[in-house]
């Protein structure tokens, strides 16, 4: 069992930056591929970024490439999402998720989900 707790959300102006964190319980964090998703009001949950077990491979949604960076620290059981040049349409609850395999990054098929952290980008 893995529990995931996101933090770092808040209110930011257009063009601003935020760093989200997702802390995982347990001693098997390094065995999981980690992903970030987001869900805006009235919309489906969408993929943002994914990172492999060691942190050596990453994958991003086209909409965030060049602006967002996913990283992980296995010693701290934490995955991060650095977000720059934020846009109002990126206002959403951001979730981290874990699974054992790389799979299809955009897939919402994950073993564990956090409860999310709200990011609000003001115009």
C-alpha atoms as a PDB file:
ATOM      1  CA  UNK A   1       0.000   0.000   0.000  1.00  0.00           C
ATOM      2  CA  UNK A   2       1.284   3.440  -0.953  1.00  0.00           C
ATOM      3  CA  UNK A   3      -0.159   6.691   0.294  1.00  0.00           C
ATOM      4  CA  UNK A   4       0.477   9.850  -1.668  1.00  0.00           C
ATOM      5  CA  UNK A   5       0.125  13.377  -0.307  1.00  0.00           C
ATOM      6  CA  UNK A   6       0.441  16.390  -2.566  1.00  0.00           C
ATOM      7  CA  UNK A   7       1.408  19.873  -1.428  1.00  0.00           C
ATOM      8  CA  UNK A   8       2.584  23.188  -2.830  1.00  0.00           C
ATOM      9  CA  UNK A   9      -0.547  24.366  -4.556  1.00  0.00           C
ATOM     10  CA  UNK A  10      -1.852  27.890  -4.203  1.00  0.00           C
ATOM     11  CA  UNK A  11      -2.694  31.112  -5.972  1.00  0.00           C
ATOM     12  CA  UNK A  12      -0.283  32.448  -8.571  1.00  0.00           C
ATOM     13  CA  UNK A  13      -0.485  35.128 -11.245  1.00  0.00           C
ATOM     14  CA  UNK A  14      -0.319  34.417 -14.956  1.00  0.00           C
ATOM     15  CA  UNK A  15       3.284  33.780 -15.906  1.00  0.00           C
ATOM     16  CA  UNK A  16       4.228  32.780 -12.390  1.00  0.00           C
ATOM     17  CA  UNK A  17       5.761  29.608 -11.031  1.00  0.00           C
ATOM     18  CA  UNK A  18       4.952  26.954  -8.470  1.00  0.00           C
ATOM     19  CA  UNK A  19       6.601  23.752  -7.318  1.00  0.00           C
ATOM     20  CA  UNK A  20       4.374  20.903  -6.302  1.00  0.00           C
ATOM     21  CA  UNK A  21       5.529  18.035  -4.143  1.00  0.00           C
ATOM     22  CA  UNK A  22       4.112  14.570  -3.643  1.00  0.00           C
ATOM     23  CA  UNK A  23       5.316  12.619  -0.627  1.00  0.00           C
ATOM     24  CA  UNK A  24       4.898   8.869  -0.644  1.00  0.00           C
ATOM     25  CA  UNK A  25       4.693   6.513   2.291  1.00  0.00           C
ATOM     26  CA  UNK A  26       6.440   3.177   2.435  1.00  0.00           C
ATOM     27  CA  UNK A  27       9.872   1.869   1.517  1.00  0.00           C
ATOM     28  CA  UNK A  28       9.076   0.894  -2.070  1.00  0.00           C
ATOM     29  CA  UNK A  29       8.815   4.347  -3.639  1.00  0.00           C
ATOM     30  CA  UNK A  30      11.681   3.656  -6.034  1.00  0.00           C
ATOM     31  CA  UNK A  31       9.713   0.729  -7.492  1.00  0.00           C
ATOM     32  CA  UNK A  32       6.979   3.027  -8.834  1.00  0.00           C
ATOM     33  CA  UNK A  33       6.630   5.090 -11.964  1.00  0.00           C
ATOM     34  CA  UNK A  34       5.206   8.415 -10.864  1.00  0.00           C
ATOM     35  CA  UNK A  35       2.886  10.707 -12.736  1.00  0.00           C
ATOM     36  CA  UNK A  36       1.163  14.055 -12.395  1.00  0.00           C
ATOM     37  CA  UNK A  37      -2.359  14.697 -13.638  1.00  0.00           C
ATOM     38  CA  UNK A  38      -4.713  17.646 -13.335  1.00  0.00           C
ATOM     39  CA  UNK A  39      -8.436  18.191 -13.390  1.00  0.00           C
ATOM     40  CA  UNK A  40     -10.040  21.526 -14.089  1.00  0.00           C
ATOM     41  CA  UNK A  41     -13.628  22.229 -13.041  1.00  0.00           C
ATOM     42  CA  UNK A  42     -16.060  20.442 -15.325  1.00  0.00           C
ATOM     43  CA  UNK A  43     -13.326  18.673 -17.252  1.00  0.00           C
ATOM     44  CA  UNK A  44     -11.809  15.226 -17.301  1.00  0.00           C
ATOM     45  CA  UNK A  45      -8.609  14.465 -15.467  1.00  0.00           C
ATOM     46  CA  UNK A  46      -5.712  14.890 -17.878  1.00  0.00           C
ATOM     47  CA  UNK A  47      -2.129  13.735 -17.983  1.00  0.00           C
ATOM     48  CA  UNK A  48       0.650  16.215 -17.281  1.00  0.00           C
ATOM     49  CA  UNK A  49       3.959  14.388 -16.804  1.00  0.00           C
ATOM     50  CA  UNK A  50       5.526  11.049 -15.901  1.00  0.00           C
ATOM     51  CA  UNK A  51       8.898   9.942 -14.561  1.00  0.00           C
ATOM     52  CA  UNK A  52      10.424   6.479 -14.373  1.00  0.00           C
ATOM     53  CA  UNK A  53      11.792   4.650 -11.344  1.00  0.00           C
ATOM     54  CA  UNK A  54      15.271   6.178 -11.354  1.00  0.00           C
ATOM     55  CA  UNK A  55      14.319   9.597 -12.693  1.00  0.00           C
ATOM     56  CA  UNK A  56      16.262   9.043 -15.877  1.00  0.00           C
ATOM     57  CA  UNK A  57      13.268   9.069 -18.202  1.00  0.00           C
ATOM     58  CA  UNK A  58      10.504  11.626 -18.353  1.00  0.00           C
ATOM     59  CA  UNK A  59       7.512  12.284 -20.576  1.00  0.00           C
ATOM     60  CA  UNK A  60       5.286  15.350 -20.857  1.00  0.00           C
ATOM     61  CA  UNK A  61       1.986  16.378 -22.298  1.00  0.00           C
ATOM     62  CA  UNK A  62       2.565  18.627 -25.303  1.00  0.00           C
ATOM     63  CA  UNK A  63       0.807  21.491 -23.559  1.00  0.00           C
ATOM     64  CA  UNK A  64       3.421  21.682 -20.778  1.00  0.00           C
ATOM     65  CA  UNK A  65       6.645  20.780 -22.601  1.00  0.00           C
ATOM     66  CA  UNK A  66       9.353  23.329 -21.990  1.00  0.00           C
ATOM     67  CA  UNK A  67       7.493  24.893 -19.041  1.00  0.00           C
ATOM     68  CA  UNK A  68       7.023  22.051 -16.537  1.00  0.00           C
ATOM     69  CA  UNK A  69       9.673  19.738 -15.104  1.00  0.00           C
ATOM     70  CA  UNK A  70       9.028  16.512 -13.249  1.00  0.00           C
ATOM     71  CA  UNK A  71      11.718  15.125 -10.946  1.00  0.00           C
ATOM     72  CA  UNK A  72      12.025  12.747  -8.027  1.00  0.00           C
ATOM     73  CA  UNK A  73      14.169  12.148  -4.966  1.00  0.00           C
ATOM     74  CA  UNK A  74      13.987   8.484  -4.016  1.00  0.00           C
ATOM     75  CA  UNK A  75      15.852   9.165  -0.791  1.00  0.00           C
ATOM     76  CA  UNK A  76      13.029  11.462   0.283  1.00  0.00           C
ATOM     77  CA  UNK A  77      10.206   9.405  -1.268  1.00  0.00           C
ATOM     78  CA  UNK A  78       9.076  12.521  -3.100  1.00  0.00           C
ATOM     79  CA  UNK A  79       8.213  13.502  -6.651  1.00  0.00           C
ATOM     80  CA  UNK A  80       8.106  17.115  -7.754  1.00  0.00           C
ATOM     81  CA  UNK A  81       6.482  19.154 -10.479  1.00  0.00           C
ATOM     82  CA  UNK A  82       8.117  22.484 -11.231  1.00  0.00           C
ATOM     83  CA  UNK A  83       5.677  24.670 -13.154  1.00  0.00           C
ATOM     84  CA  UNK A  84       6.709  27.859 -14.925  1.00  0.00           C
ATOM     85  CA  UNK A  85       4.900  30.369 -17.138  1.00  0.00           C
ATOM     86  CA  UNK A  86       1.560  29.298 -15.743  1.00  0.00           C
ATOM     87  CA  UNK A  87      -1.634  30.140 -17.611  1.00  0.00           C
ATOM     88  CA  UNK A  88      -5.154  30.740 -16.298  1.00  0.00           C
ATOM     89  CA  UNK A  89      -6.445  27.663 -18.129  1.00  0.00           C
ATOM     90  CA  UNK A  90      -4.088  25.568 -16.019  1.00  0.00           C
ATOM     91  CA  UNK A  91      -6.149  26.259 -12.926  1.00  0.00           C
ATOM     92  CA  UNK A  92      -6.941  22.782 -11.644  1.00  0.00           C
ATOM     93  CA  UNK A  93      -6.515  20.261  -8.896  1.00  0.00           C
ATOM     94  CA  UNK A  94      -3.188  18.552  -9.464  1.00  0.00           C
ATOM     95  CA  UNK A  95      -2.833  14.890  -8.541  1.00  0.00           C
ATOM     96  CA  UNK A  96       0.135  12.583  -8.304  1.00  0.00           C
ATOM     97  CA  UNK A  97      -0.239   8.909  -9.056  1.00  0.00           C
ATOM     98  CA  UNK A  98       1.874   5.762  -8.906  1.00  0.00           C
ATOM     99  CA  UNK A  99       2.084   2.475 -10.746  1.00  0.00           C
ATOM    100  CA  UNK A 100       4.695  -0.244 -11.243  1.00  0.00           C
ATOM    101  CA  UNK A 101       5.015  -0.025 -15.040  1.00  0.00           C
ATOM    102  CA  UNK A 102       5.840   2.699 -17.576  1.00  0.00           C
ATOM    103  CA  UNK A 103       2.862   1.794 -19.782  1.00  0.00           C
ATOM    104  CA  UNK A 104       1.049   4.476 -21.741  1.00  0.00           C
ATOM    105  CA  UNK A 105       1.883   7.721 -19.947  1.00  0.00           C
ATOM    106  CA  UNK A 106      -1.437   9.409 -20.759  1.00  0.00           C
ATOM    107  CA  UNK A 107      -3.415   6.570 -19.223  1.00  0.00           C
ATOM    108  CA  UNK A 108      -5.240   7.188 -15.954  1.00  0.00           C
ATOM    109  CA  UNK A 109      -4.785   3.520 -15.079  1.00  0.00           C
ATOM    110  CA  UNK A 110      -2.730   3.900 -11.880  1.00  0.00           C
ATOM    111  CA  UNK A 111      -2.414   1.854  -8.738  1.00  0.00           C
ATOM    112  CA  UNK A 112      -2.472   4.758  -6.286  1.00  0.00           C
ATOM    113  CA  UNK A 113      -3.670   8.369  -6.310  1.00  0.00           C
ATOM    114  CA  UNK A 114      -3.226  11.276  -3.969  1.00  0.00           C
ATOM    115  CA  UNK A 115      -6.094  13.572  -2.991  1.00  0.00           C
ATOM    116  CA  UNK A 116      -4.731  16.500  -4.960  1.00  0.00           C
ATOM    117  CA  UNK A 117      -3.604  20.070  -4.430  1.00  0.00           C
ATOM    118  CA  UNK A 118      -5.360  23.082  -5.931  1.00  0.00           C
ATOM    119  CA  UNK A 119      -3.493  25.426  -8.237  1.00  0.00           C
ATOM    120  CA  UNK A 120      -5.225  28.667  -9.155  1.00  0.00           C
ATOM    121  CA  UNK A 121      -3.730  30.900 -11.838  1.00  0.00           C
ATOM    122  CA  UNK A 122      -5.187  34.379 -11.842  1.00  0.00           C
ATOM    123  CA  UNK A 123      -5.392  36.465 -15.013  1.00  0.00           C
END
